[in-house]
Amino acid sequence: MKYPRKTDSGREALRLRDPALSARDRQILVLANGERAFQELAGMVGLGGAAAMERLAELGFLSIEWPAATSPSAEVSAAEARPDPQPEAPAPERRSSAAAKMYLIDMLAMIRGPEASTLAALVHGSRSETELLDRLEPVLERIAQLTRPSYALRICQHLQTLLPQSAQARLAALAQGLEQEHLSLP
């Protein structure tokens, strides 16, 4: 599990009361002490908290990392060390296109501007998972043009954690295209 922690830049922005930080940004930076899990902190700050934390990380104010004691390799080592007497039942899938729509609309709201609002309305108007997937490619391409390809790629990668397994092949293709676009930039 990842734990957000404010960076030196984040501390300095808080100390100087940087006007570029919203009240929610300040709240996140104050609460991001490396002891609260990403999801816990996102729940504390409310709707759009995860997107706000990702934006703060993009800006360099927040670091979202594995703690040293629970890095992925440490978790694997600990899991290998203890015997598992009973195989665990697979967890039910907790993915939905509604969650993906809300996340994407939040990310578009952070871009601001009339074109981002139009794209958010397009996403909001999708009535099925298929329709949402059909609209994702042009929306993500436009996000890459309005911001930068790396930002659109991060959004796409997060959407892969939200959308059901049936959408993963299309999302993987979108992510690959965005990654190639990102790598082709100077």
N, C-alpha and C. Protein backbone atom coordinates (compact mmCIF):
# COMPACT_ATOMS: atom_id res chain seq x y z
N MET A 1 0.85 -1.17 0.00
CA MET A 1 0.00 0.00 0.00
C MET A 1 0.90 1.24 0.00
N LYS A 2 0.52 2.23 -0.75
CA LYS A 2 1.31 3.45 -0.86
C LYS A 2 0.86 4.47 0.18
N TYR A 3 1.84 5.27 0.61
CA TYR A 3 1.60 6.27 1.64
C TYR A 3 2.10 7.63 1.16
N PRO A 4 1.20 8.61 0.99
CA PRO A 4 1.61 9.94 0.56
C PRO A 4 2.36 10.69 1.66
N ARG A 5 3.39 11.43 1.25
CA ARG A 5 4.18 12.24 2.18
C ARG A 5 4.53 13.53 1.46
N LYS A 6 4.40 14.67 2.16
CA LYS A 6 4.74 15.94 1.53
C LYS A 6 6.24 16.02 1.30
N THR A 7 6.63 16.63 0.20
CA THR A 7 8.05 16.81 -0.12
C THR A 7 8.53 18.12 0.49
N ASP A 8 9.81 18.41 0.34
CA ASP A 8 10.34 19.69 0.81
C ASP A 8 9.64 20.84 0.10
N SER A 9 9.36 20.66 -1.20
CA SER A 9 8.63 21.69 -1.95
C SER A 9 7.23 21.89 -1.38
N GLY A 10 6.59 20.79 -0.99
CA GLY A 10 5.26 20.88 -0.39
C GLY A 10 5.29 21.61 0.94
N ARG A 11 6.30 21.30 1.76
CA ARG A 11 6.44 22.01 3.04
C ARG A 11 6.64 23.50 2.82
N GLU A 12 7.50 23.82 1.83
CA GLU A 12 7.79 25.23 1.54
C GLU A 12 6.53 25.95 1.04
N ALA A 13 5.75 25.28 0.17
CA ALA A 13 4.51 25.88 -0.34
C ALA A 13 3.53 26.15 0.80
N LEU A 14 3.45 25.22 1.75
CA LEU A 14 2.59 25.43 2.92
C LEU A 14 3.10 26.59 3.76
N ARG A 15 4.39 26.59 4.00
CA ARG A 15 4.99 27.64 4.84
C ARG A 15 4.77 29.02 4.24
N LEU A 16 4.90 29.13 2.90
CA LEU A 16 4.74 30.42 2.23
C LEU A 16 3.29 30.73 1.88
N ARG A 17 2.39 29.79 2.22
CA ARG A 17 0.97 29.95 1.88
C ARG A 17 0.80 30.25 0.40
N ASP A 18 1.41 29.37 -0.41
CA ASP A 18 1.40 29.51 -1.87
C ASP A 18 -0.03 29.70 -2.36
N PRO A 19 -0.31 30.82 -3.07
CA PRO A 19 -1.67 31.07 -3.54
C PRO A 19 -2.14 30.09 -4.61
N ALA A 20 -1.21 29.33 -5.19
CA ALA A 20 -1.59 28.34 -6.20
C ALA A 20 -2.25 27.12 -5.57
N LEU A 21 -2.10 26.97 -4.25
CA LEU A 21 -2.69 25.83 -3.55
C LEU A 21 -4.11 26.16 -3.12
N SER A 22 -5.02 25.25 -3.42
CA SER A 22 -6.40 25.42 -2.97
C SER A 22 -6.49 24.98 -1.51
N ALA A 23 -7.63 25.20 -0.91
CA ALA A 23 -7.83 24.77 0.48
C ALA A 23 -7.69 23.25 0.59
N ARG A 24 -8.20 22.51 -0.40
CA ARG A 24 -8.09 21.05 -0.40
C ARG A 24 -6.62 20.64 -0.53
N ASP A 25 -5.86 21.33 -1.39
CA ASP A 25 -4.44 21.03 -1.56
C ASP A 25 -3.71 21.19 -0.23
N ARG A 26 -4.00 22.29 0.47
CA ARG A 26 -3.36 22.52 1.77
C ARG A 26 -3.74 21.44 2.77
N GLN A 27 -5.03 21.06 2.75
CA GLN A 27 -5.50 20.02 3.66
C GLN A 27 -4.75 18.72 3.39
N ILE A 28 -4.61 18.37 2.13
CA ILE A 28 -3.90 17.14 1.77
C ILE A 28 -2.45 17.21 2.24
N LEU A 29 -1.79 18.34 1.97
CA LEU A 29 -0.39 18.46 2.36
C LEU A 29 -0.21 18.40 3.88
N VAL A 30 -1.14 18.97 4.62
CA VAL A 30 -1.05 18.92 6.08
C VAL A 30 -1.22 17.47 6.56
N LEU A 31 -2.16 16.75 5.97
CA LEU A 31 -2.44 15.38 6.41
C LEU A 31 -1.47 14.34 5.87
N ALA A 32 -0.74 14.66 4.79
CA ALA A 32 0.16 13.70 4.16
C ALA A 32 1.47 13.61 4.93
N ASN A 33 1.48 12.74 5.93
CA ASN A 33 2.65 12.61 6.79
C ASN A 33 3.37 11.28 6.59
N GLY A 34 2.94 10.49 5.62
CA GLY A 34 3.56 9.20 5.36
C GLY A 34 3.04 8.08 6.23
N GLU A 35 2.10 8.38 7.13
CA GLU A 35 1.54 7.37 8.02
C GLU A 35 0.13 6.95 7.61
N ARG A 36 -0.50 7.74 6.77
CA ARG A 36 -1.85 7.41 6.29
C ARG A 36 -1.75 6.83 4.89
N ALA A 37 -2.49 5.76 4.64
CA ALA A 37 -2.50 5.13 3.32
C ALA A 37 -3.19 6.06 2.32
N PHE A 38 -2.84 5.90 1.06
CA PHE A 38 -3.39 6.72 -0.03
C PHE A 38 -4.92 6.74 0.03
N GLN A 39 -5.54 5.57 0.11
CA GLN A 39 -7.01 5.49 0.11
C GLN A 39 -7.61 6.12 1.36
N GLU A 40 -6.95 5.95 2.49
CA GLU A 40 -7.45 6.56 3.73
C GLU A 40 -7.45 8.08 3.61
N LEU A 41 -6.34 8.62 3.11
CA LEU A 41 -6.23 10.07 2.95
C LEU A 41 -7.23 10.58 1.91
N ALA A 42 -7.40 9.84 0.82
CA ALA A 42 -8.37 10.23 -0.21
C ALA A 42 -9.78 10.28 0.39
N GLY A 43 -10.10 9.32 1.25
CA GLY A 43 -11.40 9.31 1.90
C GLY A 43 -11.59 10.47 2.87
N MET A 44 -10.50 10.88 3.49
CA MET A 44 -10.58 11.97 4.47
C MET A 44 -10.88 13.31 3.79
N VAL A 45 -10.35 13.51 2.58
CA VAL A 45 -10.53 14.81 1.94
C VAL A 45 -11.73 14.85 1.01
N GLY A 46 -12.37 13.71 0.79
CA GLY A 46 -13.62 13.70 0.03
C GLY A 46 -13.46 13.46 -1.45
N LEU A 47 -14.54 13.67 -2.17
CA LEU A 47 -14.62 13.40 -3.60
C LEU A 47 -13.52 14.15 -4.36
N GLY A 48 -12.81 13.43 -5.18
CA GLY A 48 -11.74 14.03 -5.96
C GLY A 48 -10.42 14.08 -5.22
N GLY A 49 -10.37 13.52 -4.02
CA GLY A 49 -9.14 13.56 -3.23
C GLY A 49 -7.99 12.81 -3.89
N ALA A 50 -8.29 11.65 -4.47
CA ALA A 50 -7.24 10.87 -5.13
C ALA A 50 -6.67 11.64 -6.31
N ALA A 51 -7.53 12.24 -7.08
CA ALA A 51 -7.07 13.02 -8.24
C ALA A 51 -6.24 14.22 -7.78
N ALA A 52 -6.65 14.86 -6.70
CA ALA A 52 -5.90 16.01 -6.18
C ALA A 52 -4.52 15.57 -5.70
N MET A 53 -4.44 14.41 -5.06
CA MET A 53 -3.13 13.92 -4.60
C MET A 53 -2.22 13.60 -5.78
N GLU A 54 -2.78 13.02 -6.83
CA GLU A 54 -1.98 12.72 -8.01
C GLU A 54 -1.48 14.01 -8.65
N ARG A 55 -2.33 15.03 -8.68
CA ARG A 55 -1.91 16.31 -9.25
C ARG A 55 -0.80 16.92 -8.41
N LEU A 56 -0.93 16.87 -7.09
CA LEU A 56 0.12 17.40 -6.21
C LEU A 56 1.43 16.63 -6.38
N ALA A 57 1.32 15.34 -6.63
CA ALA A 57 2.53 14.54 -6.88
C ALA A 57 3.17 14.96 -8.20
N GLU A 58 2.34 15.20 -9.22
CA GLU A 58 2.85 15.67 -10.52
C GLU A 58 3.58 17.00 -10.36
N LEU A 59 3.08 17.86 -9.48
CA LEU A 59 3.68 19.17 -9.26
C LEU A 59 4.91 19.11 -8.35
N GLY A 60 5.16 17.95 -7.74
CA GLY A 60 6.33 17.79 -6.89
C GLY A 60 6.10 18.16 -5.44
N PHE A 61 4.86 18.42 -5.04
CA PHE A 61 4.56 18.78 -3.66
C PHE A 61 4.31 17.56 -2.78
N LEU A 62 4.07 16.42 -3.41
CA LEU A 62 3.69 15.22 -2.68
C LEU A 62 4.47 14.04 -3.25
N SER A 63 4.90 13.15 -2.40
CA SER A 63 5.58 11.92 -2.80
C SER A 63 4.66 10.77 -2.41
N ILE A 64 4.36 9.90 -3.36
CA ILE A 64 3.48 8.76 -3.08
C ILE A 64 4.32 7.52 -3.28
N GLU A 65 4.77 6.93 -2.17
CA GLU A 65 5.73 5.83 -2.23
C GLU A 65 5.33 4.70 -1.30
N TRP A 66 6.00 3.57 -1.53
CA TRP A 66 5.89 2.45 -0.61
C TRP A 66 6.77 2.77 0.60
N PRO A 67 6.29 2.55 1.81
CA PRO A 67 7.17 2.75 2.96
C PRO A 67 8.26 1.69 2.94
N ALA A 68 9.42 1.99 3.50
CA ALA A 68 10.56 1.09 3.46
C ALA A 68 10.23 -0.29 4.05
N ALA A 69 9.49 -0.31 5.13
CA ALA A 69 9.18 -1.58 5.79
C ALA A 69 8.18 -2.42 5.01
N THR A 70 7.38 -1.79 4.15
CA THR A 70 6.36 -2.55 3.43
C THR A 70 6.48 -2.37 1.93
N SER A 71 7.71 -2.29 1.43
CA SER A 71 7.89 -2.19 -0.01
C SER A 71 7.36 -3.46 -0.65
N PRO A 72 7.04 -3.44 -1.95
CA PRO A 72 6.49 -4.63 -2.59
C PRO A 72 7.39 -5.85 -2.42
N SER A 73 8.71 -5.67 -2.49
CA SER A 73 9.61 -6.81 -2.34
C SER A 73 9.58 -7.34 -0.90
N ALA A 74 9.45 -6.43 0.10
CA ALA A 74 9.36 -6.87 1.49
C ALA A 74 8.07 -7.64 1.72
N GLU A 75 6.97 -7.20 1.09
CA GLU A 75 5.71 -7.91 1.24
C GLU A 75 5.79 -9.29 0.63
N VAL A 76 6.45 -9.41 -0.52
CA VAL A 76 6.61 -10.71 -1.17
C VAL A 76 7.44 -11.62 -0.28
N SER A 77 8.55 -11.10 0.28
CA SER A 77 9.41 -11.90 1.15
C SER A 77 8.64 -12.37 2.37
N ALA A 78 7.87 -11.49 2.97
CA ALA A 78 7.09 -11.86 4.15
C ALA A 78 6.04 -12.91 3.80
N ALA A 79 5.43 -12.78 2.64
CA ALA A 79 4.42 -13.73 2.21
C ALA A 79 5.04 -15.09 1.95
N GLU A 80 6.26 -15.11 1.40
CA GLU A 80 6.92 -16.38 1.13
C GLU A 80 7.36 -17.05 2.42
N ALA A 81 7.66 -16.25 3.44
CA ALA A 81 8.18 -16.79 4.70
C ALA A 81 7.11 -17.52 5.51
N ARG A 82 5.88 -17.11 5.42
CA ARG A 82 4.85 -17.75 6.22
C ARG A 82 4.03 -18.72 5.36
N PRO A 83 3.78 -19.89 5.89
CA PRO A 83 2.99 -20.86 5.11
C PRO A 83 1.53 -20.42 5.05
N ASP A 84 0.89 -20.71 3.95
CA ASP A 84 -0.52 -20.37 3.77
C ASP A 84 -1.31 -21.67 3.83
N PRO A 85 -1.96 -21.93 4.98
CA PRO A 85 -2.64 -23.22 5.14
C PRO A 85 -3.82 -23.38 4.20
N GLN A 86 -4.48 -22.33 3.85
CA GLN A 86 -5.67 -22.41 3.02
C GLN A 86 -5.58 -21.39 1.91
N PRO A 87 -5.83 -21.78 0.68
CA PRO A 87 -5.81 -20.77 -0.39
C PRO A 87 -6.96 -19.79 -0.19
N GLU A 88 -6.64 -18.53 -0.43
CA GLU A 88 -7.67 -17.50 -0.27
C GLU A 88 -8.62 -17.51 -1.46
N ALA A 89 -9.87 -17.23 -1.18
CA ALA A 89 -10.84 -17.11 -2.26
C ALA A 89 -10.58 -15.80 -2.97
N PRO A 90 -10.73 -15.77 -4.29
CA PRO A 90 -10.50 -14.51 -5.00
C PRO A 90 -11.48 -13.44 -4.54
N ALA A 91 -10.96 -12.26 -4.37
CA ALA A 91 -11.81 -11.14 -3.95
C ALA A 91 -12.75 -10.77 -5.08
N PRO A 92 -13.96 -10.38 -4.75
CA PRO A 92 -14.88 -9.96 -5.81
C PRO A 92 -14.36 -8.70 -6.50
N GLU A 93 -14.60 -8.62 -7.78
CA GLU A 93 -14.12 -7.46 -8.52
C GLU A 93 -14.89 -6.21 -8.07
N ARG A 94 -14.15 -5.17 -7.72
CA ARG A 94 -14.75 -3.93 -7.24
C ARG A 94 -14.41 -2.82 -8.21
N ARG A 95 -14.72 -3.04 -9.45
CA ARG A 95 -14.43 -2.06 -10.49
C ARG A 95 -15.74 -1.66 -11.13
N SER A 96 -15.79 -0.42 -11.60
CA SER A 96 -17.02 0.00 -12.26
C SER A 96 -16.73 1.14 -13.22
N SER A 97 -17.54 1.21 -14.26
CA SER A 97 -17.38 2.31 -15.21
C SER A 97 -17.85 3.62 -14.57
N ALA A 98 -18.75 3.55 -13.60
CA ALA A 98 -19.20 4.77 -12.92
C ALA A 98 -18.05 5.41 -12.15
N ALA A 99 -17.25 4.61 -11.46
CA ALA A 99 -16.10 5.15 -10.74
C ALA A 99 -15.09 5.75 -11.72
N ALA A 100 -14.90 5.09 -12.85
CA ALA A 100 -13.98 5.60 -13.86
C ALA A 100 -14.47 6.93 -14.42
N LYS A 101 -15.78 7.03 -14.66
CA LYS A 101 -16.35 8.30 -15.16
C LYS A 101 -16.12 9.42 -14.16
N MET A 102 -16.39 9.16 -12.88
CA MET A 102 -16.22 10.19 -11.85
C MET A 102 -14.76 10.64 -11.78
N TYR A 103 -13.84 9.68 -11.83
CA TYR A 103 -12.42 10.01 -11.78
C TYR A 103 -12.03 10.87 -12.98
N LEU A 104 -12.43 10.47 -14.16
CA LEU A 104 -12.07 11.20 -15.37
C LEU A 104 -12.67 12.61 -15.37
N ILE A 105 -13.89 12.74 -14.91
CA ILE A 105 -14.52 14.07 -14.81
C ILE A 105 -13.77 14.95 -13.81
N ASP A 106 -13.32 14.35 -12.68
CA ASP A 106 -12.52 15.10 -11.70
C ASP A 106 -11.21 15.57 -12.33
N MET A 107 -10.57 14.71 -13.09
CA MET A 107 -9.29 15.07 -13.71
C MET A 107 -9.50 16.18 -14.74
N LEU A 108 -10.58 16.13 -15.49
CA LEU A 108 -10.87 17.18 -16.46
C LEU A 108 -11.19 18.50 -15.76
N ALA A 109 -11.82 18.43 -14.61
CA ALA A 109 -12.13 19.65 -13.85
C ALA A 109 -10.85 20.35 -13.41
N MET A 110 -9.80 19.59 -13.16
CA MET A 110 -8.54 20.20 -12.74
C MET A 110 -7.84 20.89 -13.91
N ILE A 111 -8.12 20.44 -15.12
CA ILE A 111 -7.49 21.08 -16.29
C ILE A 111 -8.11 22.46 -16.51
N ARG A 112 -9.38 22.57 -16.25
CA ARG A 112 -10.12 23.82 -16.38
C ARG A 112 -10.20 24.27 -17.83
N GLY A 113 -11.10 25.17 -18.09
CA GLY A 113 -11.26 25.73 -19.42
C GLY A 113 -12.47 25.15 -20.12
N PRO A 114 -12.93 25.84 -21.15
CA PRO A 114 -14.15 25.41 -21.84
C PRO A 114 -14.00 24.06 -22.54
N GLU A 115 -12.83 23.79 -23.10
CA GLU A 115 -12.66 22.52 -23.79
C GLU A 115 -12.69 21.35 -22.81
N ALA A 116 -12.06 21.52 -21.65
CA ALA A 116 -12.09 20.47 -20.64
C ALA A 116 -13.52 20.25 -20.15
N SER A 117 -14.30 21.32 -20.03
CA SER A 117 -15.71 21.18 -19.63
C SER A 117 -16.51 20.42 -20.67
N THR A 118 -16.22 20.69 -21.94
CA THR A 118 -16.91 19.98 -23.02
C THR A 118 -16.56 18.50 -22.98
N LEU A 119 -15.28 18.19 -22.75
CA LEU A 119 -14.86 16.79 -22.67
C LEU A 119 -15.51 16.10 -21.47
N ALA A 120 -15.62 16.81 -20.34
CA ALA A 120 -16.26 16.24 -19.16
C ALA A 120 -17.73 15.94 -19.44
N ALA A 121 -18.40 16.82 -20.16
CA ALA A 121 -19.80 16.58 -20.52
C ALA A 121 -19.92 15.37 -21.44
N LEU A 122 -18.96 15.21 -22.33
CA LEU A 122 -18.96 14.05 -23.23
C LEU A 122 -18.81 12.76 -22.43
N VAL A 123 -17.90 12.76 -21.47
CA VAL A 123 -17.70 11.57 -20.62
C VAL A 123 -18.95 11.33 -19.78
N HIS A 124 -19.47 12.39 -19.19
CA HIS A 124 -20.65 12.26 -18.33
C HIS A 124 -21.85 11.71 -19.10
N GLY A 125 -21.96 12.05 -20.37
CA GLY A 125 -23.09 11.61 -21.18
C GLY A 125 -23.03 10.17 -21.65
N SER A 126 -21.91 9.49 -21.42
CA SER A 126 -21.83 8.09 -21.85
C SER A 126 -22.75 7.24 -20.99
N ARG A 127 -23.56 6.41 -21.65
CA ARG A 127 -24.58 5.65 -20.94
C ARG A 127 -24.22 4.19 -20.70
N SER A 128 -23.12 3.74 -21.28
CA SER A 128 -22.71 2.35 -21.09
C SER A 128 -21.20 2.27 -21.05
N GLU A 129 -20.69 1.15 -20.62
CA GLU A 129 -19.25 0.95 -20.58
C GLU A 129 -18.66 1.04 -21.98
N THR A 130 -19.35 0.46 -22.95
CA THR A 130 -18.87 0.51 -24.34
C THR A 130 -18.81 1.94 -24.84
N GLU A 131 -19.84 2.71 -24.57
CA GLU A 131 -19.86 4.11 -25.00
C GLU A 131 -18.75 4.91 -24.31
N LEU A 132 -18.52 4.63 -23.02
CA LEU A 132 -17.43 5.30 -22.30
C LEU A 132 -16.09 4.95 -22.93
N LEU A 133 -15.87 3.68 -23.22
CA LEU A 133 -14.61 3.26 -23.83
C LEU A 133 -14.42 3.89 -25.21
N ASP A 134 -15.50 4.03 -25.98
CA ASP A 134 -15.40 4.67 -27.29
C ASP A 134 -14.98 6.12 -27.16
N ARG A 135 -15.37 6.77 -26.08
CA ARG A 135 -15.06 8.19 -25.88
C ARG A 135 -13.70 8.41 -25.20
N LEU A 136 -13.17 7.36 -24.57
CA LEU A 136 -11.92 7.52 -23.84
C LEU A 136 -10.75 7.91 -24.74
N GLU A 137 -10.61 7.26 -25.88
CA GLU A 137 -9.46 7.53 -26.74
C GLU A 137 -9.37 8.99 -27.16
N PRO A 138 -10.44 9.57 -27.74
CA PRO A 138 -10.32 10.99 -28.11
C PRO A 138 -10.16 11.91 -26.89
N VAL A 139 -10.77 11.56 -25.77
CA VAL A 139 -10.66 12.40 -24.57
C VAL A 139 -9.22 12.36 -24.05
N LEU A 140 -8.63 11.16 -23.96
CA LEU A 140 -7.25 11.06 -23.47
C LEU A 140 -6.26 11.72 -24.43
N GLU A 141 -6.50 11.59 -25.71
CA GLU A 141 -5.63 12.26 -26.69
C GLU A 141 -5.69 13.77 -26.52
N ARG A 142 -6.89 14.29 -26.29
CA ARG A 142 -7.02 15.73 -26.12
C ARG A 142 -6.41 16.19 -24.78
N ILE A 143 -6.54 15.37 -23.75
CA ILE A 143 -5.90 15.69 -22.47
C ILE A 143 -4.39 15.76 -22.68
N ALA A 144 -3.84 14.84 -23.45
CA ALA A 144 -2.40 14.85 -23.74
C ALA A 144 -1.99 16.13 -24.46
N GLN A 145 -2.87 16.65 -25.31
CA GLN A 145 -2.57 17.89 -26.03
C GLN A 145 -2.73 19.12 -25.13
N LEU A 146 -3.74 19.09 -24.26
CA LEU A 146 -3.99 20.22 -23.37
C LEU A 146 -2.97 20.30 -22.25
N THR A 147 -2.46 19.17 -21.80
CA THR A 147 -1.49 19.15 -20.70
C THR A 147 -0.17 18.62 -21.24
N ARG A 148 0.06 17.33 -21.00
CA ARG A 148 1.24 16.65 -21.55
C ARG A 148 0.93 15.16 -21.60
N PRO A 149 1.58 14.43 -22.50
CA PRO A 149 1.28 13.00 -22.64
C PRO A 149 1.48 12.20 -21.36
N SER A 150 2.45 12.57 -20.53
CA SER A 150 2.69 11.81 -19.30
C SER A 150 1.49 11.92 -18.35
N TYR A 151 0.83 13.07 -18.34
CA TYR A 151 -0.36 13.27 -17.49
C TYR A 151 -1.50 12.38 -17.99
N ALA A 152 -1.71 12.38 -19.31
CA ALA A 152 -2.76 11.53 -19.89
C ALA A 152 -2.45 10.06 -19.65
N LEU A 153 -1.17 9.69 -19.71
CA LEU A 153 -0.77 8.30 -19.46
C LEU A 153 -1.09 7.91 -18.02
N ARG A 154 -0.80 8.78 -17.06
CA ARG A 154 -1.11 8.47 -15.66
C ARG A 154 -2.61 8.30 -15.45
N ILE A 155 -3.39 9.15 -16.11
CA ILE A 155 -4.85 9.02 -16.01
C ILE A 155 -5.28 7.67 -16.57
N CYS A 156 -4.74 7.32 -17.73
CA CYS A 156 -5.09 6.05 -18.37
C CYS A 156 -4.71 4.87 -17.47
N GLN A 157 -3.54 4.93 -16.88
CA GLN A 157 -3.10 3.85 -16.00
C GLN A 157 -4.00 3.73 -14.78
N HIS A 158 -4.45 4.86 -14.25
CA HIS A 158 -5.36 4.80 -13.10
C HIS A 158 -6.73 4.25 -13.53
N LEU A 159 -7.16 4.60 -14.74
CA LEU A 159 -8.42 4.06 -15.25
C LEU A 159 -8.36 2.54 -15.35
N GLN A 160 -7.17 2.00 -15.59
CA GLN A 160 -7.02 0.55 -15.67
C GLN A 160 -7.34 -0.11 -14.33
N THR A 161 -7.17 0.61 -13.24
CA THR A 161 -7.49 0.05 -11.93
C THR A 161 -8.97 0.21 -11.59
N LEU A 162 -9.67 1.06 -12.32
CA LEU A 162 -11.07 1.34 -12.02
C LEU A 162 -12.05 0.59 -12.92
N LEU A 163 -11.73 0.48 -14.20
CA LEU A 163 -12.65 -0.14 -15.13
C LEU A 163 -12.62 -1.67 -15.03
N PRO A 164 -13.72 -2.33 -15.32
CA PRO A 164 -13.78 -3.79 -15.24
C PRO A 164 -12.79 -4.47 -16.19
N GLN A 165 -12.52 -5.73 -15.91
CA GLN A 165 -11.57 -6.51 -16.71
C GLN A 165 -11.92 -6.50 -18.19
N SER A 166 -13.19 -6.42 -18.52
CA SER A 166 -13.61 -6.44 -19.92
C SER A 166 -13.05 -5.26 -20.71
N ALA A 167 -12.63 -4.21 -20.03
CA ALA A 167 -12.11 -3.01 -20.70
C ALA A 167 -10.59 -2.99 -20.76
N GLN A 168 -9.93 -3.94 -20.14
CA GLN A 168 -8.48 -3.87 -19.98
C GLN A 168 -7.71 -3.91 -21.30
N ALA A 169 -8.17 -4.68 -22.28
CA ALA A 169 -7.44 -4.76 -23.55
C ALA A 169 -7.42 -3.40 -24.25
N ARG A 170 -8.57 -2.73 -24.29
CA ARG A 170 -8.63 -1.42 -24.94
C ARG A 170 -7.81 -0.38 -24.16
N LEU A 171 -7.87 -0.44 -22.84
CA LEU A 171 -7.09 0.50 -22.04
C LEU A 171 -5.59 0.27 -22.20
N ALA A 172 -5.18 -0.98 -22.29
CA ALA A 172 -3.76 -1.28 -22.48
C ALA A 172 -3.27 -0.70 -23.81
N ALA A 173 -4.09 -0.81 -24.85
CA ALA A 173 -3.72 -0.25 -26.15
C ALA A 173 -3.63 1.28 -26.07
N LEU A 174 -4.59 1.90 -25.38
CA LEU A 174 -4.55 3.36 -25.20
C LEU A 174 -3.30 3.78 -24.43
N ALA A 175 -2.99 3.06 -23.36
CA ALA A 175 -1.82 3.39 -22.55
C ALA A 175 -0.54 3.24 -23.37
N GLN A 176 -0.48 2.21 -24.19
CA GLN A 176 0.71 2.00 -25.02
C GLN A 176 0.88 3.15 -26.00
N GLY A 177 -0.20 3.60 -26.62
CA GLY A 177 -0.13 4.73 -27.54
C GLY A 177 0.32 6.00 -26.85
N LEU A 178 -0.22 6.26 -25.65
CA LEU A 178 0.18 7.45 -24.89
C LEU A 178 1.64 7.37 -24.44
N GLU A 179 2.07 6.17 -24.09
CA GLU A 179 3.46 5.99 -23.67
C GLU A 179 4.42 6.26 -24.84
N GLN A 180 4.05 5.77 -26.01
CA GLN A 180 4.89 6.02 -27.19
C GLN A 180 4.93 7.52 -27.52
N GLU A 181 3.78 8.18 -27.38
CA GLU A 181 3.73 9.62 -27.62
C GLU A 181 4.60 10.36 -26.61
N HIS A 182 4.54 9.92 -25.35
CA HIS A 182 5.36 10.54 -24.30
C HIS A 182 6.85 10.34 -24.57
N LEU A 183 7.22 9.13 -25.00
CA LEU A 183 8.64 8.83 -25.25
C LEU A 183 9.17 9.55 -26.49
N SER A 184 8.29 9.89 -27.41
CA SER A 184 8.74 10.56 -28.63
C SER A 184 9.00 12.05 -28.45
N LEU A 185 8.55 12.61 -27.30
CA LEU A 185 8.79 14.03 -27.04
C LEU A 185 10.24 14.26 -26.65
N PRO A 186 10.79 15.43 -27.00
CA PRO A 186 12.18 15.71 -26.63
C PRO A 186 12.36 15.92 -25.15
